[in-house]
Amino acid sequence: MQPEGSNGTSDGGLAVPMAWLYAEYIADELLRTGRLIPVSTLEFRAGRDTLALTIYLSDAAGELSGIRVVSQLDEWLSLTAYGHPWRDWVHTRFLALGEEARERGDGGDPDLELARAAWRWLDGTELFATNLDPGRPDHADLPPGLDENARVWTPAWQLGLPLGHLAMHLF
């Protein structure tokens, strides 16, 4: 069945999550262009999902458009910058989008469900990676400074955030 509406839905038919798929596509292209990490790794998935969440959740007007991607890079860079409370921002945006969906009476937004699934994976998965934040209290046993050989279990989103940020700079 071909969707009739531009938002990926038709009258009672199949709902296609176009906003999420487009955000994921943009994130994938940015990471591939940067050539920071092999595509087949969990680290790449962490970067792609983190960046896709940033792109999807920052699109407050629901107008993701290819022509606006370059103009939104600065916003995405500020959202993924070191020290920005990204995790808190994600929670706030999910609450706002959930409330908007309830007000519209839209209980099954497929874009929002895919975004939530990506967040569950990012927040619930830890990857064994270089310690990017040696000052964290739970890493007190490690000497200060960045040691590329010091590896710790890190939530996937914490690894994906700098990957996505760097990929945008390289774009």
N, C-alpha and C. Protein backbone atom coordinates (compact mmCIF):
# COMPACT_ATOMS: atom_id res chain seq x y z
N MET A 1 0.84 -1.17 0.00
CA MET A 1 0.00 0.00 0.00
C MET A 1 0.89 1.24 0.00
N GLN A 2 0.64 2.17 -0.87
CA GLN A 2 1.37 3.41 -0.94
C GLN A 2 0.76 4.44 0.00
N PRO A 3 1.57 5.07 0.87
CA PRO A 3 1.03 6.11 1.74
C PRO A 3 0.55 7.29 0.92
N GLU A 4 -0.55 7.90 1.36
CA GLU A 4 -1.10 9.05 0.65
C GLU A 4 -0.60 10.36 1.20
N GLY A 5 -0.32 10.41 2.49
CA GLY A 5 0.09 11.66 3.12
C GLY A 5 1.59 11.87 3.04
N SER A 6 2.02 13.12 3.16
CA SER A 6 3.44 13.42 3.09
C SER A 6 4.17 13.06 4.38
N ASN A 7 3.44 12.80 5.44
CA ASN A 7 4.08 12.42 6.70
C ASN A 7 4.23 10.91 6.83
N GLY A 8 3.94 10.17 5.80
CA GLY A 8 4.14 8.73 5.83
C GLY A 8 2.93 7.95 6.28
N THR A 9 1.78 8.58 6.43
CA THR A 9 0.58 7.86 6.84
C THR A 9 -0.51 8.07 5.81
N SER A 10 -1.41 7.14 5.77
CA SER A 10 -2.60 7.30 4.94
C SER A 10 -3.80 7.00 5.84
N ASP A 11 -4.97 7.15 5.32
CA ASP A 11 -6.18 6.96 6.12
C ASP A 11 -6.30 5.52 6.59
N GLY A 12 -5.86 5.28 7.83
CA GLY A 12 -5.99 3.95 8.42
C GLY A 12 -5.03 2.93 7.87
N GLY A 13 -4.13 3.32 6.98
CA GLY A 13 -3.19 2.38 6.39
C GLY A 13 -1.89 2.29 7.16
N LEU A 14 -0.91 1.80 6.52
CA LEU A 14 0.41 1.61 7.10
C LEU A 14 1.05 2.95 7.45
N ALA A 15 1.51 3.09 8.68
CA ALA A 15 2.21 4.30 9.11
C ALA A 15 3.71 4.09 8.90
N VAL A 16 4.31 4.90 8.08
CA VAL A 16 5.73 4.80 7.77
C VAL A 16 6.49 5.85 8.58
N PRO A 17 7.47 5.44 9.36
CA PRO A 17 8.18 6.38 10.22
C PRO A 17 9.21 7.21 9.46
N MET A 18 8.76 8.09 8.59
CA MET A 18 9.65 8.84 7.71
C MET A 18 10.59 9.78 8.46
N ALA A 19 10.11 10.45 9.50
CA ALA A 19 10.96 11.39 10.22
C ALA A 19 12.15 10.67 10.87
N TRP A 20 11.87 9.53 11.52
CA TRP A 20 12.97 8.78 12.15
C TRP A 20 13.90 8.20 11.10
N LEU A 21 13.35 7.63 10.04
CA LEU A 21 14.19 7.04 8.99
C LEU A 21 15.08 8.09 8.34
N TYR A 22 14.54 9.29 8.15
CA TYR A 22 15.32 10.36 7.55
C TYR A 22 16.42 10.82 8.50
N ALA A 23 16.11 10.94 9.79
CA ALA A 23 17.12 11.33 10.78
C ALA A 23 18.23 10.28 10.83
N GLU A 24 17.85 9.02 10.77
CA GLU A 24 18.83 7.93 10.79
C GLU A 24 19.70 7.97 9.52
N TYR A 25 19.09 8.28 8.39
CA TYR A 25 19.83 8.38 7.13
C TYR A 25 20.86 9.51 7.19
N ILE A 26 20.44 10.68 7.69
CA ILE A 26 21.36 11.82 7.80
C ILE A 26 22.52 11.46 8.73
N ALA A 27 22.22 10.86 9.86
CA ALA A 27 23.25 10.46 10.82
C ALA A 27 24.22 9.46 10.19
N ASP A 28 23.67 8.49 9.48
CA ASP A 28 24.49 7.48 8.82
C ASP A 28 25.44 8.13 7.81
N GLU A 29 24.91 9.04 7.01
CA GLU A 29 25.74 9.70 5.99
C GLU A 29 26.83 10.56 6.62
N LEU A 30 26.49 11.26 7.70
CA LEU A 30 27.50 12.08 8.37
C LEU A 30 28.63 11.22 8.92
N LEU A 31 28.28 10.09 9.53
CA LEU A 31 29.31 9.21 10.09
C LEU A 31 30.12 8.52 9.00
N ARG A 32 29.48 8.10 7.94
CA ARG A 32 30.20 7.45 6.85
C ARG A 32 31.16 8.43 6.18
N THR A 33 30.72 9.67 6.00
CA THR A 33 31.55 10.69 5.37
C THR A 33 32.79 10.96 6.21
N GLY A 34 32.62 10.97 7.53
CA GLY A 34 33.76 11.21 8.43
C GLY A 34 34.76 10.09 8.48
N ARG A 35 34.34 8.88 8.13
CA ARG A 35 35.21 7.69 8.13
C ARG A 35 35.97 7.54 9.44
N LEU A 36 35.27 7.73 10.53
CA LEU A 36 35.89 7.65 11.84
C LEU A 36 36.02 6.23 12.36
N ILE A 37 35.06 5.39 11.97
CA ILE A 37 34.97 4.07 12.57
C ILE A 37 34.32 3.12 11.56
N PRO A 38 34.72 1.86 11.54
CA PRO A 38 34.10 0.92 10.59
C PRO A 38 32.58 0.82 10.80
N VAL A 39 31.86 0.75 9.71
CA VAL A 39 30.41 0.73 9.72
C VAL A 39 29.84 -0.48 10.44
N SER A 40 30.54 -1.57 10.46
CA SER A 40 30.02 -2.81 11.01
C SER A 40 30.18 -2.93 12.53
N THR A 41 30.63 -1.88 13.21
CA THR A 41 30.90 -1.97 14.64
C THR A 41 29.74 -1.44 15.49
N LEU A 42 29.72 -1.87 16.73
CA LEU A 42 28.73 -1.34 17.68
C LEU A 42 28.99 0.13 17.96
N GLU A 43 30.24 0.54 17.89
CA GLU A 43 30.58 1.94 18.10
C GLU A 43 29.95 2.81 17.02
N PHE A 44 29.94 2.31 15.78
CA PHE A 44 29.29 3.06 14.69
C PHE A 44 27.79 3.17 14.98
N ARG A 45 27.19 2.07 15.41
CA ARG A 45 25.76 2.10 15.74
C ARG A 45 25.48 3.12 16.85
N ALA A 46 26.36 3.15 17.85
CA ALA A 46 26.20 4.11 18.94
C ALA A 46 26.25 5.54 18.41
N GLY A 47 27.21 5.80 17.54
CA GLY A 47 27.32 7.14 16.95
C GLY A 47 26.12 7.48 16.09
N ARG A 48 25.70 6.53 15.26
CA ARG A 48 24.55 6.78 14.37
C ARG A 48 23.28 7.00 15.17
N ASP A 49 23.02 6.14 16.16
CA ASP A 49 21.79 6.28 16.93
C ASP A 49 21.78 7.56 17.77
N THR A 50 22.94 7.91 18.34
CA THR A 50 23.03 9.15 19.12
C THR A 50 22.78 10.36 18.24
N LEU A 51 23.40 10.35 17.08
CA LEU A 51 23.22 11.46 16.15
C LEU A 51 21.80 11.50 15.59
N ALA A 52 21.24 10.34 15.27
CA ALA A 52 19.86 10.29 14.76
C ALA A 52 18.88 10.80 15.82
N LEU A 53 19.10 10.44 17.08
CA LEU A 53 18.24 10.96 18.16
C LEU A 53 18.35 12.47 18.26
N THR A 54 19.57 12.97 18.16
CA THR A 54 19.78 14.42 18.21
C THR A 54 19.04 15.10 17.07
N ILE A 55 19.15 14.56 15.89
CA ILE A 55 18.50 15.14 14.72
C ILE A 55 16.98 15.07 14.84
N TYR A 56 16.48 13.89 15.19
CA TYR A 56 15.03 13.70 15.29
C TYR A 56 14.43 14.56 16.40
N LEU A 57 15.04 14.53 17.58
CA LEU A 57 14.47 15.25 18.71
C LEU A 57 14.62 16.77 18.59
N SER A 58 15.58 17.25 17.81
CA SER A 58 15.75 18.69 17.65
C SER A 58 14.80 19.25 16.60
N ASP A 59 14.14 18.39 15.87
CA ASP A 59 13.22 18.82 14.82
C ASP A 59 11.85 19.10 15.43
N ALA A 60 11.76 20.19 16.17
CA ALA A 60 10.54 20.52 16.91
C ALA A 60 9.34 20.75 16.00
N ALA A 61 9.58 21.26 14.82
CA ALA A 61 8.46 21.59 13.92
C ALA A 61 8.07 20.40 13.03
N GLY A 62 8.80 19.31 13.12
CA GLY A 62 8.49 18.15 12.28
C GLY A 62 8.74 18.41 10.81
N GLU A 63 9.79 19.18 10.52
CA GLU A 63 10.06 19.58 9.14
C GLU A 63 11.43 19.16 8.66
N LEU A 64 11.91 17.99 9.04
CA LEU A 64 13.22 17.56 8.54
C LEU A 64 13.22 17.65 7.03
N SER A 65 14.19 18.35 6.54
CA SER A 65 14.26 18.56 5.11
C SER A 65 15.71 18.55 4.68
N GLY A 66 16.00 17.92 3.58
CA GLY A 66 17.36 17.83 3.08
C GLY A 66 18.02 19.17 2.88
N ILE A 67 17.25 20.14 2.47
CA ILE A 67 17.81 21.46 2.20
C ILE A 67 18.22 22.18 3.49
N ARG A 68 17.62 21.81 4.61
CA ARG A 68 17.91 22.46 5.89
C ARG A 68 19.01 21.76 6.67
N VAL A 69 19.51 20.65 6.21
CA VAL A 69 20.49 19.88 6.98
C VAL A 69 21.71 20.72 7.30
N VAL A 70 22.28 21.38 6.32
CA VAL A 70 23.49 22.17 6.54
C VAL A 70 23.22 23.30 7.52
N SER A 71 22.05 23.91 7.43
CA SER A 71 21.74 25.02 8.33
C SER A 71 21.51 24.55 9.76
N GLN A 72 21.24 23.27 9.96
CA GLN A 72 21.00 22.76 11.30
C GLN A 72 22.25 22.17 11.95
N LEU A 73 23.34 22.07 11.22
CA LEU A 73 24.56 21.49 11.77
C LEU A 73 25.02 22.23 13.02
N ASP A 74 24.94 23.54 13.04
CA ASP A 74 25.37 24.30 14.22
C ASP A 74 24.55 23.93 15.44
N GLU A 75 23.24 23.78 15.26
CA GLU A 75 22.39 23.39 16.39
C GLU A 75 22.78 22.00 16.88
N TRP A 76 22.97 21.06 15.96
CA TRP A 76 23.33 19.70 16.34
C TRP A 76 24.70 19.67 17.02
N LEU A 77 25.63 20.50 16.52
CA LEU A 77 26.95 20.58 17.14
C LEU A 77 26.85 21.08 18.59
N SER A 78 26.01 22.07 18.82
CA SER A 78 25.87 22.58 20.19
C SER A 78 25.21 21.56 21.09
N LEU A 79 24.27 20.78 20.56
CA LEU A 79 23.59 19.76 21.36
C LEU A 79 24.51 18.59 21.71
N THR A 80 25.48 18.31 20.87
CA THR A 80 26.38 17.17 21.11
C THR A 80 27.73 17.60 21.69
N ALA A 81 27.88 18.89 21.97
CA ALA A 81 29.15 19.41 22.50
C ALA A 81 29.45 18.84 23.88
N TYR A 82 30.73 18.72 24.18
CA TYR A 82 31.17 18.23 25.48
C TYR A 82 30.62 19.15 26.56
N GLY A 83 30.04 18.58 27.59
CA GLY A 83 29.51 19.36 28.68
C GLY A 83 28.03 19.71 28.55
N HIS A 84 27.47 19.55 27.36
CA HIS A 84 26.04 19.82 27.20
C HIS A 84 25.27 18.66 27.87
N PRO A 85 24.24 18.97 28.63
CA PRO A 85 23.48 17.91 29.31
C PRO A 85 22.59 17.14 28.33
N TRP A 86 23.20 16.41 27.41
CA TRP A 86 22.49 15.76 26.33
C TRP A 86 21.45 14.76 26.84
N ARG A 87 21.84 13.97 27.82
CA ARG A 87 20.93 12.94 28.34
C ARG A 87 19.68 13.59 28.92
N ASP A 88 19.83 14.66 29.68
CA ASP A 88 18.69 15.38 30.24
C ASP A 88 17.82 15.98 29.13
N TRP A 89 18.49 16.51 28.10
CA TRP A 89 17.78 17.09 26.97
C TRP A 89 16.93 16.02 26.26
N VAL A 90 17.49 14.82 26.10
CA VAL A 90 16.75 13.71 25.46
C VAL A 90 15.50 13.40 26.27
N HIS A 91 15.64 13.28 27.57
CA HIS A 91 14.48 12.99 28.43
C HIS A 91 13.42 14.08 28.32
N THR A 92 13.84 15.33 28.33
CA THR A 92 12.91 16.46 28.21
C THR A 92 12.17 16.43 26.88
N ARG A 93 12.89 16.16 25.81
CA ARG A 93 12.26 16.12 24.48
C ARG A 93 11.29 14.94 24.37
N PHE A 94 11.65 13.79 24.92
CA PHE A 94 10.73 12.65 24.89
C PHE A 94 9.45 12.96 25.66
N LEU A 95 9.59 13.62 26.80
CA LEU A 95 8.40 14.01 27.57
C LEU A 95 7.52 14.96 26.75
N ALA A 96 8.14 15.95 26.12
CA ALA A 96 7.39 16.93 25.32
C ALA A 96 6.71 16.25 24.13
N LEU A 97 7.42 15.39 23.43
CA LEU A 97 6.84 14.71 22.26
C LEU A 97 5.73 13.76 22.68
N GLY A 98 5.91 13.09 23.81
CA GLY A 98 4.87 12.20 24.33
C GLY A 98 3.61 12.97 24.67
N GLU A 99 3.79 14.14 25.29
CA GLU A 99 2.64 14.98 25.64
C GLU A 99 1.93 15.48 24.38
N GLU A 100 2.70 15.90 23.39
CA GLU A 100 2.11 16.35 22.12
C GLU A 100 1.31 15.23 21.46
N ALA A 101 1.86 14.02 21.48
CA ALA A 101 1.17 12.87 20.88
C ALA A 101 -0.13 12.58 21.62
N ARG A 102 -0.12 12.67 22.95
CA ARG A 102 -1.35 12.46 23.73
C ARG A 102 -2.40 13.52 23.41
N GLU A 103 -1.97 14.77 23.28
CA GLU A 103 -2.91 15.85 22.96
C GLU A 103 -3.55 15.65 21.60
N ARG A 104 -2.79 15.11 20.65
CA ARG A 104 -3.33 14.84 19.31
C ARG A 104 -4.15 13.56 19.29
N GLY A 105 -4.08 12.79 20.38
CA GLY A 105 -4.77 11.50 20.41
C GLY A 105 -4.05 10.46 19.57
N ASP A 106 -2.77 10.67 19.37
CA ASP A 106 -1.94 9.79 18.54
C ASP A 106 -1.17 8.85 19.45
N GLY A 107 -1.72 7.68 19.70
CA GLY A 107 -1.09 6.74 20.62
C GLY A 107 0.02 5.93 20.02
N GLY A 108 0.10 5.82 18.72
CA GLY A 108 1.08 4.93 18.11
C GLY A 108 1.94 5.61 17.07
N ASP A 109 2.66 6.66 17.44
CA ASP A 109 3.55 7.36 16.52
C ASP A 109 4.77 6.47 16.24
N PRO A 110 4.90 5.95 15.02
CA PRO A 110 5.99 5.02 14.73
C PRO A 110 7.37 5.67 14.81
N ASP A 111 7.46 6.97 14.48
CA ASP A 111 8.74 7.66 14.59
C ASP A 111 9.19 7.71 16.04
N LEU A 112 8.28 8.09 16.90
CA LEU A 112 8.59 8.21 18.32
C LEU A 112 8.94 6.85 18.92
N GLU A 113 8.26 5.80 18.49
CA GLU A 113 8.55 4.46 19.00
C GLU A 113 9.95 4.01 18.58
N LEU A 114 10.34 4.28 17.34
CA LEU A 114 11.70 3.91 16.90
C LEU A 114 12.75 4.73 17.64
N ALA A 115 12.46 6.00 17.87
CA ALA A 115 13.39 6.85 18.62
C ALA A 115 13.54 6.32 20.05
N ARG A 116 12.43 5.94 20.66
CA ARG A 116 12.49 5.40 22.03
C ARG A 116 13.26 4.08 22.06
N ALA A 117 13.09 3.26 21.04
CA ALA A 117 13.84 1.99 20.97
C ALA A 117 15.34 2.26 20.85
N ALA A 118 15.70 3.25 20.05
CA ALA A 118 17.11 3.61 19.91
C ALA A 118 17.65 4.10 21.25
N TRP A 119 16.86 4.91 21.96
CA TRP A 119 17.31 5.42 23.26
C TRP A 119 17.47 4.28 24.27
N ARG A 120 16.53 3.33 24.27
CA ARG A 120 16.65 2.20 25.19
C ARG A 120 17.96 1.44 24.93
N TRP A 121 18.31 1.25 23.65
CA TRP A 121 19.55 0.56 23.33
C TRP A 121 20.75 1.39 23.77
N LEU A 122 20.75 2.68 23.45
CA LEU A 122 21.87 3.55 23.80
C LEU A 122 22.08 3.64 25.31
N ASP A 123 20.99 3.72 26.05
CA ASP A 123 21.08 3.90 27.50
C ASP A 123 21.35 2.57 28.22
N GLY A 124 20.91 1.48 27.64
CA GLY A 124 21.03 0.18 28.29
C GLY A 124 22.23 -0.64 27.85
N THR A 125 22.97 -0.18 26.88
CA THR A 125 24.11 -0.93 26.36
C THR A 125 25.40 -0.23 26.75
N GLU A 126 26.34 -1.01 27.24
CA GLU A 126 27.65 -0.47 27.55
C GLU A 126 28.68 -1.09 26.62
N LEU A 127 29.61 -0.26 26.18
CA LEU A 127 30.67 -0.69 25.28
C LEU A 127 32.02 -0.52 25.99
N PHE A 128 32.91 -1.46 25.76
CA PHE A 128 34.24 -1.40 26.36
C PHE A 128 35.10 -0.53 25.46
N ALA A 129 35.37 0.69 25.93
CA ALA A 129 36.03 1.67 25.07
C ALA A 129 37.04 2.49 25.86
N THR A 130 37.81 3.27 25.13
CA THR A 130 38.76 4.19 25.76
C THR A 130 38.02 5.10 26.73
N ASN A 131 38.61 5.33 27.88
CA ASN A 131 38.02 6.18 28.89
C ASN A 131 38.07 7.63 28.42
N LEU A 132 36.95 8.15 27.94
CA LEU A 132 36.89 9.52 27.42
C LEU A 132 36.70 10.55 28.52
N ASP A 133 36.39 10.10 29.73
CA ASP A 133 36.15 11.03 30.84
C ASP A 133 36.88 10.52 32.09
N PRO A 134 38.22 10.67 32.12
CA PRO A 134 38.98 10.11 33.23
C PRO A 134 38.70 10.79 34.57
N GLY A 135 38.02 11.92 34.57
CA GLY A 135 37.73 12.62 35.80
C GLY A 135 36.49 12.13 36.52
N ARG A 136 35.76 11.19 35.91
CA ARG A 136 34.53 10.69 36.53
C ARG A 136 34.84 9.96 37.83
N PRO A 137 34.03 10.18 38.86
CA PRO A 137 34.29 9.55 40.17
C PRO A 137 34.34 8.03 40.11
N ASP A 138 33.55 7.41 39.24
CA ASP A 138 33.55 5.95 39.18
C ASP A 138 34.79 5.39 38.48
N HIS A 139 35.63 6.28 37.97
CA HIS A 139 36.88 5.86 37.33
C HIS A 139 38.07 6.37 38.14
N ALA A 140 37.90 6.49 39.45
CA ALA A 140 38.92 7.07 40.32
C ALA A 140 40.21 6.23 40.37
N ASP A 141 40.12 4.96 40.04
CA ASP A 141 41.29 4.11 40.10
C ASP A 141 42.25 4.34 38.94
N LEU A 142 41.82 5.13 37.94
CA LEU A 142 42.66 5.41 36.78
C LEU A 142 43.39 6.74 36.97
N PRO A 143 44.63 6.86 36.51
CA PRO A 143 45.35 8.12 36.65
C PRO A 143 44.70 9.21 35.79
N PRO A 144 44.83 10.49 36.19
CA PRO A 144 44.22 11.58 35.42
C PRO A 144 44.84 11.71 34.04
N GLY A 145 44.08 12.28 33.11
CA GLY A 145 44.54 12.45 31.74
C GLY A 145 44.02 11.35 30.84
N LEU A 146 43.99 11.63 29.56
CA LEU A 146 43.46 10.66 28.59
C LEU A 146 44.54 9.65 28.24
N ASP A 147 44.28 8.41 28.57
CA ASP A 147 45.17 7.31 28.24
C ASP A 147 44.40 6.42 27.28
N GLU A 148 44.82 6.37 26.03
CA GLU A 148 44.07 5.62 25.03
C GLU A 148 44.06 4.11 25.30
N ASN A 149 44.92 3.65 26.18
CA ASN A 149 44.94 2.23 26.53
C ASN A 149 44.02 1.92 27.71
N ALA A 150 43.62 2.94 28.44
CA ALA A 150 42.72 2.74 29.58
C ALA A 150 41.30 2.57 29.04
N ARG A 151 40.75 1.40 29.23
CA ARG A 151 39.42 1.12 28.70
C ARG A 151 38.47 0.86 29.86
N VAL A 152 37.24 1.34 29.69
CA VAL A 152 36.20 1.18 30.71
C VAL A 152 34.89 0.87 30.01
N TRP A 153 33.95 0.33 30.77
CA TRP A 153 32.61 0.10 30.25
C TRP A 153 31.87 1.44 30.25
N THR A 154 31.42 1.84 29.08
CA THR A 154 30.81 3.16 28.89
C THR A 154 29.44 3.01 28.25
N PRO A 155 28.43 3.72 28.75
CA PRO A 155 27.13 3.68 28.07
C PRO A 155 27.29 4.07 26.60
N ALA A 156 26.59 3.39 25.74
CA ALA A 156 26.75 3.58 24.29
C ALA A 156 26.55 5.04 23.89
N TRP A 157 25.60 5.73 24.52
CA TRP A 157 25.36 7.12 24.12
C TRP A 157 26.55 8.01 24.45
N GLN A 158 27.29 7.68 25.52
CA GLN A 158 28.46 8.50 25.88
C GLN A 158 29.60 8.32 24.89
N LEU A 159 29.65 7.19 24.24
CA LEU A 159 30.64 6.98 23.19
C LEU A 159 30.14 7.57 21.87
N GLY A 160 28.83 7.43 21.61
CA GLY A 160 28.26 7.93 20.36
C GLY A 160 28.25 9.44 20.25
N LEU A 161 28.15 10.12 21.38
CA LEU A 161 28.08 11.59 21.38
C LEU A 161 29.32 12.23 20.76
N PRO A 162 30.54 11.91 21.23
CA PRO A 162 31.71 12.54 20.60
C PRO A 162 31.94 12.05 19.17
N LEU A 163 31.54 10.82 18.86
CA LEU A 163 31.68 10.34 17.48
C LEU A 163 30.81 11.16 16.54
N GLY A 164 29.56 11.36 16.93
CA GLY A 164 28.65 12.16 16.11
C GLY A 164 29.11 13.60 15.99
N HIS A 165 29.59 14.15 17.09
CA HIS A 165 30.06 15.54 17.09
C HIS A 165 31.24 15.71 16.14
N LEU A 166 32.21 14.80 16.25
CA LEU A 166 33.38 14.87 15.39
C LEU A 166 33.01 14.65 13.92
N ALA A 167 32.09 13.74 13.67
CA ALA A 167 31.66 13.48 12.29
C ALA A 167 31.06 14.74 11.66
N MET A 168 30.30 15.50 12.45
CA MET A 168 29.72 16.74 11.91
C MET A 168 30.81 17.76 11.62
N HIS A 169 31.83 17.82 12.46
CA HIS A 169 32.94 18.74 12.19
C HIS A 169 33.67 18.36 10.90
N LEU A 170 33.80 17.07 10.66
CA LEU A 170 34.49 16.60 9.46
C LEU A 170 33.65 16.77 8.20
N PHE A 171 32.36 16.89 8.36
CA PHE A 171 31.46 17.06 7.22
C PHE A 171 31.70 18.43 6.61
